[in-house]
Amino acid sequence: MKRLPMFAVCALVLMSPASAARAPAQSATERDLLDGLRQPQNAFLASLNLAAYYRAQGRPEDAIRMLNMAIALVRDEARPPNASIVRPFAMPDGPVRVGGDVSMPRKIKHVEPAYPASARASGLAGAVIVEFTIEKTGAVRDVRVLGPFPPFDAAAVEAVKQWRYEPVVLNGERVEIIMTARLDFKP
């Protein structure tokens, strides 16, 4: 047999005709019941008793409000202490990568890499893959070569160091981004 949640059982009991007849006998006065709400250990039962009292008085809106309060109290007890319903997003300690809530930053300054004279004389073509960090200001730092092509490595690093991006904002705060780029060299 499937068990009903506690708030459903309470709602069924309070809405039954028998509970409406008992309600005034169980509750001394509305003020005494309201005082019970101020005591955390009694708040759940006080809200249920008030719901029954209000139902017996012909005040269905107040009865529903008290049932909702009882449900909220049960829900709060199910959560660990000091837990919030919406957990705040923890900002990362270091740079993050593009993806998810982090969109591709917009480049505002692009510098083409200088084609090395030695590679031009030989007619070499190739590509260099670099990884770098975009600071909170949009400046580039920590450029390193991931996919080397020796004649072009230094030129690729020098070009990327001059690039600038719009700062990336995540949850209202600027963040550093780690990116990769491919720089193609053609004669």
Protein backbone atom coordinates (compact mmCIF):
# COMPACT_ATOMS: atom_id res chain seq x y z
CA MET A 1 0.00 0.00 0.00
CA LYS A 2 1.34 3.40 -0.95
CA ARG A 3 1.93 5.82 1.95
CA LEU A 4 0.59 9.35 1.68
CA PRO A 5 2.86 12.27 2.57
CA MET A 6 2.23 13.77 6.00
CA PHE A 7 0.71 16.98 4.64
CA ALA A 8 -1.78 14.99 2.53
CA VAL A 9 -2.92 13.02 5.58
CA CYS A 10 -3.29 16.24 7.57
CA ALA A 11 -5.28 17.85 4.79
CA LEU A 12 -7.61 14.83 4.56
CA VAL A 13 -8.17 14.82 8.33
CA LEU A 14 -8.82 18.55 8.46
CA MET A 15 -11.25 18.52 5.57
CA SER A 16 -13.33 15.65 6.88
CA PRO A 17 -16.68 16.58 8.51
CA ALA A 18 -15.72 14.86 11.79
CA SER A 19 -12.68 17.09 12.25
CA ALA A 20 -14.77 20.19 11.66
CA ALA A 21 -17.02 19.19 14.56
CA ARG A 22 -14.02 18.53 16.82
CA ALA A 23 -12.10 21.68 15.91
CA PRO A 24 -13.66 24.12 18.39
CA ALA A 25 -13.28 21.61 21.25
CA GLN A 26 -9.56 21.10 20.48
CA SER A 27 -8.75 24.82 20.22
CA ALA A 28 -9.19 27.09 23.21
CA THR A 29 -8.94 30.37 21.34
CA GLU A 30 -7.49 31.65 18.13
CA ARG A 31 -5.02 33.80 20.08
CA ASP A 32 -3.66 30.79 21.97
CA LEU A 33 -3.22 28.93 18.70
CA LEU A 34 -1.47 31.90 17.10
CA ASP A 35 0.89 31.98 20.09
CA GLY A 36 1.75 28.35 19.30
CA LEU A 37 2.97 29.39 15.85
CA ARG A 38 5.71 31.50 17.46
CA GLN A 39 7.24 28.43 19.11
CA PRO A 40 9.23 26.41 16.54
CA GLN A 41 8.59 23.08 18.27
CA ASN A 42 4.80 23.69 18.23
CA ALA A 43 4.45 25.53 14.92
CA PHE A 44 3.42 22.51 12.85
CA LEU A 45 0.65 21.35 15.17
CA ALA A 46 -0.45 24.93 15.83
CA SER A 47 -0.83 25.58 12.10
CA LEU A 48 -2.91 22.39 11.71
CA ASN A 49 -5.08 23.30 14.70
CA LEU A 50 -5.55 26.81 13.33
CA ALA A 51 -6.54 25.36 9.94
CA ALA A 52 -9.20 23.23 11.65
CA TYR A 53 -10.32 26.20 13.78
CA TYR A 54 -10.63 28.47 10.72
CA ARG A 55 -12.51 25.79 8.79
CA ALA A 56 -14.99 25.42 11.64
CA GLN A 57 -15.39 29.21 11.70
CA GLY A 58 -16.23 29.22 7.97
CA ARG A 59 -12.93 30.90 6.96
CA PRO A 60 -11.65 28.62 4.18
CA GLU A 61 -8.96 31.06 2.91
CA ASP A 62 -7.38 31.23 6.37
CA ALA A 63 -7.66 27.45 6.74
CA ILE A 64 -5.84 26.93 3.43
CA ARG A 65 -3.17 29.47 4.42
CA MET A 66 -2.54 27.52 7.65
CA LEU A 67 -2.39 24.19 5.76
CA ASN A 68 0.18 25.73 3.40
CA MET A 69 2.17 26.86 6.43
CA ALA A 70 2.12 23.30 7.82
CA ILE A 71 3.32 21.96 4.46
CA ALA A 72 6.13 24.51 4.41
CA LEU A 73 7.18 23.50 7.93
CA VAL A 74 7.31 19.82 6.95
CA ARG A 75 9.32 20.71 3.83
CA ASP A 76 11.75 22.77 5.94
CA GLU A 77 12.27 19.87 8.35
CA ALA A 78 13.18 17.59 5.44
CA ARG A 79 16.08 19.91 4.50
CA PRO A 80 19.38 19.81 6.35
CA PRO A 81 20.01 22.70 8.75
CA ASN A 82 21.16 25.95 7.14
CA ALA A 83 20.31 24.65 3.65
CA SER A 84 18.58 26.99 1.28
CA ILE A 85 16.09 26.02 -1.40
CA VAL A 86 18.15 27.73 -4.10
CA ARG A 87 21.82 27.07 -3.61
CA PRO A 88 23.99 30.01 -4.59
CA PHE A 89 26.30 29.47 -7.54
CA ALA A 90 29.89 29.23 -6.40
CA MET A 91 32.15 31.34 -8.56
CA PRO A 92 35.19 29.46 -9.84
CA ASP A 93 38.55 30.13 -8.20
CA GLY A 94 40.49 30.21 -11.46
CA PRO A 95 39.91 30.51 -15.19
CA VAL A 96 36.99 28.63 -16.77
CA ARG A 97 36.55 27.18 -20.23
CA VAL A 98 33.96 28.18 -22.78
CA GLY A 99 30.83 26.01 -22.58
CA GLY A 100 27.60 25.76 -20.59
CA ASP A 101 26.85 29.20 -19.15
CA VAL A 102 30.17 30.57 -20.41
CA SER A 103 29.86 31.85 -23.97
CA MET A 104 32.62 32.49 -26.48
CA PRO A 105 34.13 35.90 -25.77
CA ARG A 106 34.09 38.52 -28.55
CA LYS A 107 37.49 39.47 -29.89
CA ILE A 108 37.87 43.27 -30.11
CA LYS A 109 41.49 43.37 -31.32
CA HIS A 110 43.01 40.86 -33.71
CA VAL A 111 46.64 40.84 -34.82
CA GLU A 112 47.71 38.60 -37.71
CA PRO A 113 50.90 36.65 -37.00
CA ALA A 114 54.00 37.75 -38.89
CA TYR A 115 54.97 35.16 -41.49
CA PRO A 116 58.60 34.23 -40.76
CA ALA A 117 60.98 35.12 -43.59
CA SER A 118 62.72 31.74 -43.39
CA ALA A 119 59.41 29.91 -43.83
CA ARG A 120 58.41 32.22 -46.70
CA ALA A 121 61.69 31.50 -48.52
CA SER A 122 61.08 27.77 -48.16
CA GLY A 123 57.39 28.05 -49.14
CA LEU A 124 56.26 26.37 -45.90
CA ALA A 125 52.65 26.38 -44.75
CA GLY A 126 51.26 25.09 -41.50
CA ALA A 127 49.24 25.71 -38.38
CA VAL A 128 49.98 26.30 -34.73
CA ILE A 129 47.48 25.58 -31.94
CA VAL A 130 47.84 27.76 -28.86
CA GLU A 131 46.15 27.88 -25.47
CA PHE A 132 45.88 31.13 -23.55
CA THR A 133 44.08 32.84 -20.71
CA ILE A 134 41.83 35.85 -21.18
CA GLU A 135 42.03 38.02 -18.07
CA LYS A 136 39.04 39.73 -16.45
CA THR A 137 40.05 42.90 -18.32
CA GLY A 138 40.05 41.14 -21.71
CA ALA A 139 43.85 41.06 -22.06
CA VAL A 140 45.62 37.83 -23.05
CA ARG A 141 48.27 36.12 -20.92
CA ASP A 142 49.91 32.72 -20.45
CA VAL A 143 50.11 31.86 -24.15
CA ARG A 144 51.52 28.39 -24.75
CA VAL A 145 51.85 26.23 -27.84
CA LEU A 146 49.85 22.98 -27.85
CA GLY A 147 50.26 21.95 -31.49
CA PRO A 148 53.70 23.07 -32.52
CA PHE A 149 55.02 23.76 -35.97
CA PRO A 150 58.51 25.06 -35.12
CA PRO A 151 59.00 27.70 -37.80
CA PHE A 152 55.72 29.40 -36.78
CA ASP A 153 55.55 28.94 -32.98
CA ALA A 154 57.15 32.24 -31.92
CA ALA A 155 55.15 34.28 -34.45
CA ALA A 156 51.89 32.68 -33.27
CA VAL A 157 52.64 33.40 -29.60
CA GLU A 158 53.58 37.04 -30.32
CA ALA A 159 50.37 37.63 -32.30
CA VAL A 160 48.06 36.07 -29.69
CA LYS A 161 49.64 38.13 -26.88
CA GLN A 162 48.35 41.26 -28.65
CA TRP A 163 44.75 40.08 -29.02
CA ARG A 164 42.07 41.67 -26.82
CA TYR A 165 38.60 40.44 -25.88
CA GLU A 166 35.48 41.86 -24.29
CA PRO A 167 35.46 40.81 -20.62
CA VAL A 168 33.36 37.71 -19.95
CA VAL A 169 30.68 38.06 -17.29
CA LEU A 170 29.27 35.05 -15.44
CA ASN A 171 26.51 35.62 -12.86
CA GLY A 172 27.25 39.33 -12.78
CA GLU A 173 31.01 38.95 -12.18
CA ARG A 174 33.90 39.06 -14.61
CA VAL A 175 35.76 35.76 -14.98
CA GLU A 176 38.97 34.61 -16.60
CA ILE A 177 38.65 32.28 -19.58
CA ILE A 178 40.97 29.61 -20.96
CA MET A 179 40.78 29.37 -24.75
CA THR A 180 42.49 27.62 -27.61
CA ALA A 181 43.02 28.97 -31.10
CA ARG A 182 44.47 27.72 -34.36
CA LEU A 183 46.63 30.08 -36.36
CA ASP A 184 47.15 29.13 -40.01
CA PHE A 185 50.26 30.18 -41.92
CA LYS A 186 50.12 30.20 -45.73
CA PRO A 187 52.73 31.70 -48.09
